[in-house]
Amino acid sequence: MESIAITSHFSLSGPLDYADLAVLKARGIDVIVNCRLENEEPNQISSQEYKKAIEAQNMRYASIPVRSLVYPKDDIARFKALVNAPQNNVHAFCRTGKRVSHLWALSQLPEKSIDRIMIECKEANVDISVIAEQLHDLAKLSK
């Protein structure tokens, strides 16, 4: 698993296998968010299987499946509640990590400025330019 830390309390990756769960637990992760849709790929681990394996590691599991570039406000709010809770160390995953990075960026408004979000992503070598317009639109609504 190639994991990218955006902040000290949030990291992301592509798909996880069962061995990755113990690694994440050892890193202090206590919440894992699955943003994959069911059956995106053949032989994909199901949401229920992830839930069982993650809870067996004494971590919390959340499923927020989203389609690329389609991020409903309710999903952003659910993601934000998990990621921004100060007691949570969160790792989120999807097929490539892109949807997770987009959800993270959108969930940081209005507490962080768009410039700050872009800087944090750039420092982590994560490109969120494709959602720049959505960030600006959401920022306007947040005022």
Foldseek 3Di string as FASTA:
>chain_A
DDWFDLDLQEIEFADDDLVVLVVCVVSVAQEEEEQEDPCPDPPGDDLVNVQVSNVVSVHHYHYNHDDPPDQDPVSLQVLLVQRVPVVGRYYYYYHGRLVVLQSVLQNCPPVDDNVVSCVSCVVRVHDPVVCPVVSVVSNVVRD
